[in-house]
Amino acid sequence: MLWDEFKKPKDIERILSIIRNYDKEIRIMEICGTHTVSIAKSGIKGILPENIKLISGPGCPVCVTPTERIDDILLLSKNKDVLIATYGDMVRVPGSIYGENLEKRKAQGFDVRIVYSPLDAVKIANNCKNKEVVFAGIGFETTAPSSAVAVEKAMNEGVKNFSVFSLHKKVEPVLRELINMNDFNINGFLCPGNVAVIIGEEGFRFLEREFKIPSVICGFEAGDIIYSIYRIIQMIENKVYKLENEYIRAVKPKGNEIAKNIMNKYFELCDDIWRGIGCIKNSGLKLKDEYSQYDSVKKFNLDLTLYKNNDFCSCGEVIKGKIEPRECKLFSSVCTIENPLGSCMVSSEGACAAAYKYFDLR
């Protein structure tokens, strides 16, 4: 099947007819928030048979950031000499105190700014010499290279009032954590095409080599997703357990070497905590010691709190794929997009927000 065949309606109908005739129960997890949104927006669950289950996993960076780290950022934001710069979704994520978030801090007069790139934060630091600019860097391997580029730019331009609070995480360790859970019940993975653009096919080969789990690196259009589901079903039916790359128009076998090199130049692995899961060994990215002057944790001597799992709602269970958003007792009643209690409802890539916005109640 050529990469652009999914744009042809007759091919989608042919593939869907095969999927609908499959009568065994299969549980497929998407591990990308963009996939979650695309599935809900396109109504894909509604056109699949009941026996084909799509489960949302820990693929939303904002969602997996634990309350403890949000509290740390909120504490920094109360320093009148500090300016917090971060992506839009982050400003509404609540801390451990109900109603406390960066959006409220901004309304109270503290300096919180939404940026589209960490390079914007470096520019702000250049223009606001009287402020310490802290960029709350969030995301998986997709966004970590841009944070590394920002550190390099600050170094080259002699910007000393800029630092990164690294909330960056790696995908592989959390997948291993899920697979090794006693109640793991997933038959196949839709792997995130955006992360794969950076780490390449090789970044997901462990699913095939070590765990024999059928997996497809998947693009983000509805046709990409439907075709990838079809391929997972075919692999299961034929007992061929491997990794396939459906997103060949963007993903290379080894990924983006330039992006990986700059990420590895500035960041190193560290143990990190994930909302609803806990501490996972070598799952986080922190700045190396030689760049400590740009590490917010070291610059402000932050004593990072340990994992407490003090969420208001069931985000942790949603993130692990244990429950659907509608199974949380607060979903759509107390917790809504207008009044979000958990990160899965706050983030535009969150499973709860997608289900709520697109009435994905299956």
Protein backbone atom coordinates (compact mmCIF):
# COMPACT_ATOMS: atom_id res chain seq x y z
CA MET A 1 0.00 0.00 0.00
CA LEU A 2 1.51 3.33 -1.04
CA TRP A 3 1.79 6.04 1.60
CA ASP A 4 -0.96 8.19 0.04
CA GLU A 5 -3.49 5.45 -0.66
CA PHE A 6 -5.30 6.16 2.60
CA LYS A 7 -6.64 9.33 0.97
CA LYS A 8 -8.75 7.22 -1.38
CA PRO A 9 -12.24 6.48 0.06
CA LYS A 10 -12.51 3.11 -1.70
CA ASP A 11 -9.37 1.87 0.05
CA ILE A 12 -10.65 2.96 3.46
CA GLU A 13 -13.94 1.12 2.85
CA ARG A 14 -12.05 -2.02 1.80
CA ILE A 15 -9.88 -1.91 4.92
CA LEU A 16 -12.82 -1.18 7.21
CA SER A 17 -14.76 -4.13 5.82
CA ILE A 18 -11.86 -6.42 6.75
CA ILE A 19 -11.64 -4.92 10.24
CA ARG A 20 -15.40 -5.25 10.79
CA ASN A 21 -15.32 -8.92 9.84
CA TYR A 22 -12.70 -9.66 12.47
CA ASP A 23 -14.45 -11.24 15.46
CA LYS A 24 -11.75 -11.63 18.10
CA GLU A 25 -11.28 -9.06 20.87
CA ILE A 26 -8.18 -6.91 20.45
CA ARG A 27 -6.98 -4.07 22.66
CA ILE A 28 -4.77 -1.52 20.92
CA MET A 29 -3.12 1.33 22.82
CA GLU A 30 -2.21 4.63 21.22
CA ILE A 31 0.67 6.27 23.05
CA CYS A 32 0.37 9.73 21.58
CA GLY A 33 -2.00 12.50 22.61
CA THR A 34 -2.29 13.66 19.02
CA HIS A 35 -3.51 10.19 18.06
CA THR A 36 -6.03 10.32 20.91
CA VAL A 37 -7.44 13.60 19.61
CA SER A 38 -7.49 12.41 15.99
CA ILE A 39 -9.31 9.20 16.97
CA ALA A 40 -11.96 11.14 18.90
CA LYS A 41 -12.33 13.93 16.36
CA SER A 42 -12.68 11.51 13.45
CA GLY A 43 -15.12 9.26 15.31
CA ILE A 44 -12.94 6.22 14.64
CA LYS A 45 -14.13 4.29 17.71
CA GLY A 46 -17.70 4.62 16.47
CA ILE A 47 -16.99 2.93 13.15
CA LEU A 48 -15.00 0.03 14.62
CA PRO A 49 -16.68 -3.16 15.86
CA GLU A 50 -17.11 -3.48 19.62
CA ASN A 51 -14.42 -6.15 19.82
CA ILE A 52 -11.70 -3.75 18.62
CA LYS A 53 -10.83 -1.59 21.62
CA LEU A 54 -8.70 1.55 21.34
CA ILE A 55 -7.08 2.47 24.64
CA SER A 56 -5.37 5.79 25.40
CA GLY A 57 -1.96 5.51 27.06
CA PRO A 58 0.65 7.87 28.58
CA GLY A 59 1.18 9.88 25.41
CA CYS A 60 0.19 13.36 26.56
CA PRO A 61 3.21 15.21 28.03
CA VAL A 62 1.13 17.61 30.11
CA CYS A 63 -0.99 14.74 31.43
CA VAL A 64 1.94 12.68 32.69
CA THR A 65 3.61 15.63 34.44
CA PRO A 66 2.95 14.95 38.14
CA THR A 67 1.28 17.37 40.51
CA GLU A 68 4.53 17.61 42.48
CA ARG A 69 6.37 19.24 39.56
CA ILE A 70 3.47 21.63 38.98
CA ASP A 71 3.75 22.65 42.64
CA ASP A 72 7.47 23.30 42.17
CA ILE A 73 6.77 25.61 39.22
CA LEU A 74 3.99 27.37 41.12
CA LEU A 75 6.40 27.98 43.99
CA LEU A 76 8.92 29.52 41.60
CA SER A 77 6.25 31.69 40.02
CA LYS A 78 5.66 33.51 43.33
CA ASN A 79 9.21 34.88 43.22
CA LYS A 80 8.86 38.45 42.00
CA ASP A 81 12.23 38.21 40.28
CA VAL A 82 11.20 35.15 38.25
CA LEU A 83 9.36 35.05 34.94
CA ILE A 84 7.81 31.69 34.02
CA ALA A 85 7.64 30.90 30.30
CA THR A 86 5.90 27.77 29.09
CA TYR A 87 3.53 26.25 26.54
CA GLY A 88 -0.16 27.13 26.61
CA ASP A 89 -1.57 23.90 28.05
CA MET A 90 0.68 24.13 31.10
CA VAL A 91 -0.84 27.30 32.51
CA ARG A 92 -4.15 25.62 33.44
CA VAL A 93 -2.78 22.43 35.03
CA PRO A 94 -3.72 22.46 38.73
CA GLY A 95 -1.27 21.91 41.54
CA SER A 96 -2.03 20.01 44.72
CA ILE A 97 -4.16 22.88 46.04
CA TYR A 98 -7.51 23.09 44.28
CA GLY A 99 -7.70 26.06 41.92
CA GLU A 100 -3.98 26.82 41.98
CA ASN A 101 -2.36 27.03 38.55
CA LEU A 102 -0.13 29.34 36.51
CA GLU A 103 -3.13 31.04 34.96
CA LYS A 104 -4.26 32.12 38.43
CA ARG A 105 -0.73 33.25 39.25
CA LYS A 106 -0.76 35.46 36.16
CA ALA A 107 -4.13 36.92 37.18
CA GLN A 108 -2.60 37.69 40.59
CA GLY A 109 0.07 39.79 38.91
CA PHE A 110 2.96 37.36 38.75
CA ASP A 111 4.93 37.16 35.50
CA VAL A 112 3.77 34.12 33.53
CA ARG A 113 4.00 34.07 29.75
CA ILE A 114 2.92 31.61 27.09
CA VAL A 115 5.53 30.90 24.41
CA TYR A 116 5.47 28.80 21.26
CA SER A 117 9.14 27.85 21.42
CA PRO A 118 11.91 27.82 24.05
CA LEU A 119 13.75 30.20 21.75
CA ASP A 120 11.01 32.72 22.54
CA ALA A 121 11.94 32.36 26.21
CA VAL A 122 15.60 33.10 25.41
CA LYS A 123 14.49 36.22 23.56
CA ILE A 124 12.39 37.31 26.53
CA ALA A 125 15.41 36.81 28.80
CA ASN A 126 17.49 39.00 26.49
CA ASN A 127 14.88 41.75 26.76
CA CYS A 128 14.18 41.41 30.50
CA LYS A 129 17.56 41.52 32.17
CA ASN A 130 15.97 42.24 35.55
CA LYS A 131 14.15 38.89 35.55
CA GLU A 132 15.26 35.29 35.82
CA VAL A 133 13.42 33.58 32.97
CA VAL A 134 12.49 29.97 33.70
CA PHE A 135 11.32 27.92 30.75
CA ALA A 136 9.18 24.97 31.88
CA GLY A 137 10.25 22.53 29.18
CA ILE A 138 7.74 19.76 28.67
CA GLY A 139 7.38 16.93 26.18
CA PHE A 140 9.02 13.74 24.99
CA GLU A 141 11.90 13.36 22.55
CA THR A 142 9.88 15.50 20.14
CA THR A 143 10.46 18.76 22.05
CA ALA A 144 13.62 18.03 24.06
CA PRO A 145 15.93 18.94 21.14
CA SER A 146 14.40 22.42 20.92
CA SER A 147 15.08 22.96 24.64
CA ALA A 148 18.68 21.92 24.00
CA VAL A 149 18.89 24.41 21.13
CA ALA A 150 17.60 27.13 23.49
CA VAL A 151 20.35 26.36 26.02
CA GLU A 152 22.95 26.48 23.26
CA LYS A 153 21.62 29.81 22.02
CA ALA A 154 21.67 31.27 25.55
CA MET A 155 25.26 30.11 25.98
CA ASN A 156 26.39 31.50 22.63
CA GLU A 157 24.72 34.87 23.26
CA GLY A 158 25.86 35.13 26.88
CA VAL A 159 22.31 35.13 28.27
CA LYS A 160 22.75 34.32 31.95
CA ASN A 161 19.22 35.00 33.22
CA PHE A 162 17.70 32.01 31.40
CA SER A 163 17.24 28.46 32.65
CA VAL A 164 15.25 25.33 31.80
CA PHE A 165 13.08 23.45 34.28
CA SER A 166 13.26 20.16 32.42
CA LEU A 167 10.06 18.14 32.52
CA HIS A 168 11.11 16.22 29.43
CA LYS A 169 10.53 12.48 29.39
CA LYS A 170 11.38 9.47 27.24
CA VAL A 171 8.80 7.13 25.73
CA GLU A 172 10.59 3.78 25.92
CA PRO A 173 10.89 3.54 29.74
CA VAL A 174 7.19 4.16 30.35
CA LEU A 175 6.21 1.57 27.74
CA ARG A 176 8.45 -0.95 29.47
CA GLU A 177 6.83 -0.03 32.79
CA LEU A 178 3.34 -0.61 31.39
CA ILE A 179 4.26 -3.89 29.71
CA ASN A 180 5.77 -5.22 32.94
CA MET A 181 2.68 -4.46 35.03
CA ASN A 182 0.90 -7.56 36.29
CA ASP A 183 -2.41 -6.56 34.69
CA PHE A 184 -0.98 -5.53 31.30
CA ASN A 185 -3.62 -6.38 28.71
CA ILE A 186 -2.66 -4.73 25.43
CA ASN A 187 -2.34 -6.64 22.15
CA GLY A 188 -0.72 -3.95 20.01
CA PHE A 189 0.62 -0.40 20.00
CA LEU A 190 0.07 2.60 17.76
CA CYS A 191 3.48 4.27 18.14
CA PRO A 192 3.75 8.07 18.00
CA GLY A 193 4.88 9.30 14.61
CA ASN A 194 6.12 12.61 16.01
CA VAL A 195 8.48 10.95 18.52
CA ALA A 196 9.56 8.47 15.84
CA VAL A 197 10.56 11.37 13.57
CA ILE A 198 13.29 12.07 16.14
CA ILE A 199 14.27 8.61 17.45
CA GLY A 200 13.45 6.66 14.28
CA GLU A 201 12.16 3.16 13.81
CA GLU A 202 15.04 1.91 15.94
CA GLY A 203 13.60 3.71 18.96
CA PHE A 204 10.66 1.29 18.99
CA ARG A 205 12.36 -1.93 17.87
CA PHE A 206 12.43 -3.19 21.48
CA LEU A 207 8.68 -3.84 21.22
CA GLU A 208 9.38 -6.36 18.48
CA ARG A 209 12.69 -7.77 19.70
CA GLU A 210 12.00 -8.14 23.40
CA PHE A 211 8.23 -8.29 23.82
CA LYS A 212 6.89 -9.58 20.49
CA ILE A 213 4.10 -7.01 20.51
CA PRO A 214 2.68 -6.01 17.09
CA SER A 215 3.23 -2.28 16.71
CA VAL A 216 2.91 0.32 13.97
CA ILE A 217 4.55 3.75 13.81
CA CYS A 218 1.54 5.75 12.79
CA GLY A 219 0.76 9.09 11.17
CA PHE A 220 -2.02 11.38 12.34
CA GLU A 221 -4.72 11.41 9.69
CA ALA A 222 -7.74 9.17 10.15
CA GLY A 223 -6.59 7.01 7.26
CA ASP A 224 -3.18 6.52 8.88
CA ILE A 225 -4.82 5.28 12.04
CA ILE A 226 -7.34 2.97 10.37
CA TYR A 227 -4.66 1.42 8.18
CA SER A 228 -2.37 0.94 11.21
CA ILE A 229 -5.18 -0.78 13.14
CA TYR A 230 -5.68 -3.06 10.14
CA ARG A 231 -1.98 -3.94 10.07
CA ILE A 232 -1.94 -4.79 13.79
CA ILE A 233 -4.94 -7.06 13.30
CA GLN A 234 -3.25 -8.76 10.37
CA MET A 235 -0.05 -9.30 12.36
CA ILE A 236 -1.98 -10.81 15.26
CA GLU A 237 -4.01 -13.04 12.98
CA ASN A 238 -0.91 -14.25 11.15
CA LYS A 239 1.15 -14.53 14.35
CA VAL A 240 3.76 -12.13 12.98
CA TYR A 241 4.85 -9.93 15.84
CA LYS A 242 6.92 -7.05 14.54
CA LEU A 243 7.20 -3.29 14.22
CA GLU A 244 5.99 -1.65 11.02
CA ASN A 245 6.45 1.93 9.90
CA GLU A 246 3.28 3.29 8.31
CA TYR A 247 4.58 6.87 8.60
CA ILE A 248 7.37 6.39 6.07
CA ARG A 249 6.76 9.84 4.61
CA ALA A 250 8.29 11.35 7.76
CA VAL A 251 10.04 8.63 9.79
CA LYS A 252 13.44 7.22 8.86
CA PRO A 253 14.98 4.06 10.33
CA LYS A 254 17.42 6.03 12.51
CA GLY A 255 15.34 9.18 12.87
CA ASN A 256 16.78 12.68 12.97
CA GLU A 257 20.47 12.36 13.82
CA ILE A 258 20.98 16.12 14.23
CA ALA A 259 18.12 16.40 16.73
CA LYS A 260 19.29 13.33 18.66
CA ASN A 261 22.86 14.60 18.81
CA ILE A 262 21.98 17.99 20.26
CA MET A 263 19.56 16.40 22.74
CA ASN A 264 22.26 13.98 23.89
CA LYS A 265 24.84 16.76 24.03
CA TYR A 266 22.93 18.75 26.64
CA PHE A 267 20.69 16.21 28.38
CA GLU A 268 21.31 13.01 30.27
CA LEU A 269 18.99 10.36 31.70
CA CYS A 270 17.55 10.62 35.19
CA ASP A 271 14.92 8.84 37.25
CA ASP A 272 11.63 10.69 36.97
CA ILE A 273 8.10 10.51 38.31
CA TRP A 274 5.00 10.13 36.15
CA ARG A 275 1.49 11.07 37.15
CA GLY A 276 -0.43 8.00 38.28
CA ILE A 277 2.53 5.68 37.77
CA GLY A 278 5.33 6.81 40.08
CA CYS A 279 9.09 6.88 39.65
CA ILE A 280 10.47 5.19 36.53
CA LYS A 281 14.21 4.63 36.25
CA ASN A 282 16.00 6.61 33.52
CA SER A 283 12.74 7.95 32.12
CA GLY A 284 13.51 11.65 32.43
CA LEU A 285 15.96 14.08 30.85
CA LYS A 286 17.95 16.56 32.91
CA LEU A 287 20.66 18.99 31.86
CA LYS A 288 24.19 17.68 32.28
CA ASP A 289 26.29 19.07 35.12
CA GLU A 290 28.43 21.19 32.79
CA TYR A 291 25.30 23.16 31.91
CA SER A 292 24.04 23.51 35.48
CA GLN A 293 23.92 27.32 35.20
CA TYR A 294 20.97 26.76 32.84
CA ASP A 295 19.25 24.17 35.05
CA SER A 296 16.42 25.80 37.03
CA VAL A 297 16.48 23.07 39.69
CA LYS A 298 20.12 23.74 40.49
CA LYS A 299 19.98 27.47 39.89
CA PHE A 300 17.22 27.94 42.47
CA ASN A 301 18.33 25.05 44.70
CA LEU A 302 14.93 23.38 44.46
CA ASP A 303 14.23 20.43 46.71
CA LEU A 304 12.10 18.33 44.40
CA THR A 305 9.28 16.61 46.24
CA LEU A 306 8.75 12.86 46.02
CA TYR A 307 5.80 11.08 44.49
CA LYS A 308 2.61 11.35 46.54
CA ASN A 309 -0.16 10.57 44.01
CA ASN A 310 -2.41 13.31 45.33
CA ASP A 311 -4.57 13.82 42.23
CA PHE A 312 -8.13 15.07 42.58
CA CYS A 313 -9.44 12.68 39.94
CA SER A 314 -8.61 9.42 38.16
CA CYS A 315 -6.12 10.84 35.63
CA GLY A 316 -3.51 8.29 36.68
CA GLU A 317 -5.76 5.37 35.81
CA VAL A 318 -6.72 6.96 32.48
CA ILE A 319 -3.04 7.52 31.64
CA LYS A 320 -2.24 3.86 32.31
CA GLY A 321 -5.15 2.76 30.13
CA LYS A 322 -6.91 1.08 33.06
CA ILE A 323 -10.13 3.05 32.67
CA GLU A 324 -11.85 5.12 30.00
CA PRO A 325 -12.39 8.83 30.76
CA ARG A 326 -16.14 8.32 31.24
CA GLU A 327 -15.39 5.80 34.02
CA CYS A 328 -13.96 8.54 36.23
CA LYS A 329 -16.74 9.56 38.60
CA LEU A 330 -15.96 13.25 38.05
CA PHE A 331 -15.92 13.18 34.25
CA SER A 332 -18.33 15.65 32.59
CA SER A 333 -20.10 16.37 35.87
CA VAL A 334 -17.57 18.07 38.13
CA CYS A 335 -14.58 17.91 35.77
CA THR A 336 -15.15 19.64 32.44
CA ILE A 337 -13.04 21.55 29.92
CA GLU A 338 -14.45 24.76 31.40
CA ASN A 339 -13.61 23.63 34.95
CA PRO A 340 -10.84 20.99 34.69
CA LEU A 341 -9.73 19.18 37.81
CA GLY A 342 -7.11 16.95 36.22
CA SER A 343 -4.41 17.27 33.61
CA CYS A 344 -6.18 14.86 31.22
CA MET A 345 -9.01 17.38 30.94
CA VAL A 346 -6.72 20.42 30.86
CA SER A 347 -4.44 19.42 28.01
CA SER A 348 -5.67 19.73 24.43
CA GLU A 349 -4.08 16.29 23.91
CA GLY A 350 -5.60 14.74 27.03
CA ALA A 351 -7.85 11.68 26.75
CA CYS A 352 -10.53 13.26 28.93
CA ALA A 353 -10.53 16.53 26.99
CA ALA A 354 -10.80 14.64 23.69
CA ALA A 355 -13.65 12.46 24.96
CA TYR A 356 -15.49 15.47 26.39
CA LYS A 357 -15.02 17.74 23.38
CA TYR A 358 -15.90 15.17 20.72
CA PHE A 359 -18.50 13.21 22.72
CA ASP A 360 -16.33 10.09 22.56
CA LEU A 361 -18.33 8.04 25.06
CA ARG A 362 -17.80 4.53 23.74
